[in-house]
């Protein structure tokens, strides 16, 4: 949990994705809405691994870039509360379809009071001219 009144951006320049991988108990990342997690176009922002139970509350998740799940990839159980997922992208080439610009989900996902917008998924043709 971030301290009340804390504001600003955490840019994940060198860290890569923030990976939530703890099957022993629930993981909560919460704030009053003034914290931005920004991957700066270098990686996915957050990954919730299978067997993990996570809650994200009051965050902005942006700047993610991956082959699927640019903002969030959830394979566990995720509650997204009062958050914004925006400005993320996925891109692939060849015969793999791009999916989940903002969120890719293969687990259990509940979204409440949140906005998912302005993210993209692009697949480039494997053929060149």
Protein backbone atom coordinates (compact mmCIF):
# COMPACT_ATOMS: atom_id res chain seq x y z
CA UNK A 1 0.00 0.00 0.00
CA UNK A 2 1.29 3.42 -0.89
CA UNK A 3 1.12 6.12 1.79
CA UNK A 4 -1.96 8.37 1.74
CA UNK A 5 -1.31 11.56 -0.18
CA UNK A 6 1.58 10.05 -2.16
CA UNK A 7 1.41 11.05 -5.81
CA UNK A 8 3.52 10.67 -8.92
CA UNK A 9 4.75 8.03 -11.31
CA UNK A 10 6.76 4.90 -10.84
CA UNK A 11 8.47 4.34 -14.17
CA UNK A 12 9.51 0.71 -14.59
CA UNK A 13 12.54 1.49 -16.78
CA UNK A 14 14.96 -1.13 -15.54
CA UNK A 15 12.63 -3.37 -13.62
CA UNK A 16 10.63 -4.72 -16.52
CA UNK A 17 7.19 -5.99 -15.55
CA UNK A 18 5.98 -5.85 -11.99
CA UNK A 19 5.35 -9.58 -11.40
CA UNK A 20 2.88 -10.62 -8.70
CA UNK A 21 3.69 -14.23 -7.90
CA UNK A 22 2.79 -15.32 -4.37
CA UNK A 23 0.38 -18.25 -3.99
CA UNK A 24 0.66 -18.09 -0.18
CA UNK A 25 -1.68 -15.12 0.26
CA UNK A 26 -3.41 -12.12 -1.24
CA UNK A 27 -1.34 -9.27 -2.72
CA UNK A 28 -2.79 -5.75 -2.61
CA UNK A 29 -1.41 -2.64 -4.28
CA UNK A 30 -3.58 0.32 -3.31
CA UNK A 31 -3.58 4.11 -3.42
CA UNK A 32 -6.04 6.97 -3.47
CA UNK A 33 -5.73 7.34 -7.26
CA UNK A 34 -2.60 9.47 -7.62
CA UNK A 35 -0.03 6.76 -8.44
CA UNK A 36 0.88 5.85 -12.02
CA UNK A 37 2.74 2.66 -12.89
CA UNK A 38 4.41 3.34 -16.25
CA UNK A 39 6.44 0.75 -18.20
CA UNK A 40 7.63 3.49 -20.57
CA UNK A 41 7.06 1.23 -23.61
CA UNK A 42 9.72 -1.27 -22.47
CA UNK A 43 7.64 -4.13 -21.04
CA UNK A 44 4.23 -5.17 -19.77
CA UNK A 45 3.29 -3.16 -16.66
CA UNK A 46 1.89 -5.91 -14.38
CA UNK A 47 1.75 -9.69 -14.56
CA UNK A 48 -0.32 -11.73 -12.11
CA UNK A 49 0.91 -15.31 -12.21
CA UNK A 50 -1.25 -18.43 -11.92
CA UNK A 51 -2.08 -19.28 -8.31
CA UNK A 52 -1.70 -15.66 -7.17
CA UNK A 53 -4.55 -13.55 -5.79
CA UNK A 54 -4.11 -9.80 -6.35
CA UNK A 55 -6.02 -6.56 -5.87
CA UNK A 56 -5.07 -3.34 -7.66
CA UNK A 57 -6.90 -0.32 -6.29
CA UNK A 58 -6.65 3.34 -7.25
CA UNK A 59 -3.81 3.06 -9.79
CA UNK A 60 -3.14 4.21 -13.33
CA UNK A 61 -1.43 1.56 -15.46
CA UNK A 62 0.14 2.88 -18.63
CA UNK A 63 3.02 2.63 -21.08
CA UNK A 64 2.99 -1.16 -21.35
CA UNK A 65 4.26 -2.90 -24.48
CA UNK A 66 4.19 -6.68 -24.96
CA UNK A 67 3.11 -9.42 -27.37
CA UNK A 68 -0.08 -9.89 -25.27
CA UNK A 69 -1.41 -8.07 -22.22
CA UNK A 70 0.40 -4.76 -22.66
CA UNK A 71 -0.96 -3.21 -19.46
CA UNK A 72 -1.85 -6.30 -17.45
CA UNK A 73 -1.54 -10.02 -18.06
CA UNK A 74 -3.59 -11.96 -15.52
CA UNK A 75 -3.27 -15.73 -15.15
CA UNK A 76 -4.31 -15.74 -11.49
CA UNK A 77 -7.16 -14.02 -9.69
CA UNK A 78 -7.27 -10.24 -10.05
CA UNK A 79 -9.61 -7.55 -8.72
CA UNK A 80 -9.12 -4.22 -10.50
CA UNK A 81 -10.79 -1.48 -8.47
CA UNK A 82 -11.09 2.26 -9.10
CA UNK A 83 -8.18 2.18 -11.52
CA UNK A 84 -7.35 3.31 -15.06
CA UNK A 85 -5.66 1.15 -17.68
CA UNK A 86 -4.72 3.36 -20.64
CA UNK A 87 -2.06 3.93 -23.27
CA UNK A 88 -0.79 0.34 -23.49
CA UNK A 89 -0.05 -1.66 -26.64
CA UNK A 90 0.57 -5.14 -27.95
CA UNK A 91 2.03 -5.95 -31.31
CA UNK A 92 2.90 -9.19 -33.06
CA UNK A 93 4.06 -10.26 -36.47
CA UNK A 94 3.37 -13.41 -38.40
CA UNK A 95 0.43 -15.63 -37.71
CA UNK A 96 0.02 -14.83 -33.99
CA UNK A 97 -2.91 -12.54 -33.33
CA UNK A 98 -2.28 -9.59 -31.06
CA UNK A 99 -4.71 -9.42 -28.14
CA UNK A 100 -5.17 -7.60 -24.88
CA UNK A 101 -3.70 -4.17 -25.49
CA UNK A 102 -4.93 -3.06 -22.07
CA UNK A 103 -5.58 -6.40 -20.36
CA UNK A 104 -5.12 -10.04 -21.36
CA UNK A 105 -6.85 -12.48 -19.04
CA UNK A 106 -6.58 -16.26 -18.76
CA UNK A 107 -7.50 -16.34 -15.06
CA UNK A 108 -10.31 -14.81 -13.02
CA UNK A 109 -10.81 -11.06 -13.41
CA UNK A 110 -13.24 -8.68 -11.66
CA UNK A 111 -13.33 -5.02 -12.70
CA UNK A 112 -15.17 -2.45 -10.57
CA UNK A 113 -15.22 1.34 -10.95
CA UNK A 114 -12.34 1.27 -13.42
CA UNK A 115 -11.66 2.60 -16.92
CA UNK A 116 -9.94 0.64 -19.67
CA UNK A 117 -9.30 2.85 -22.70
CA UNK A 118 -6.93 4.02 -25.44
CA UNK A 119 -4.86 0.85 -25.73
CA UNK A 120 -4.14 -1.03 -28.97
CA UNK A 121 -3.45 -4.47 -30.40
CA UNK A 122 -1.74 -4.70 -33.81
CA UNK A 123 -0.77 -7.73 -35.89
CA UNK A 124 1.62 -7.12 -38.79
CA UNK A 125 1.47 -9.31 -41.86
CA UNK A 126 4.12 -12.03 -42.15
CA UNK A 127 4.39 -11.16 -45.84
CA UNK A 128 6.38 -8.25 -47.16
CA UNK A 129 6.14 -6.64 -50.56
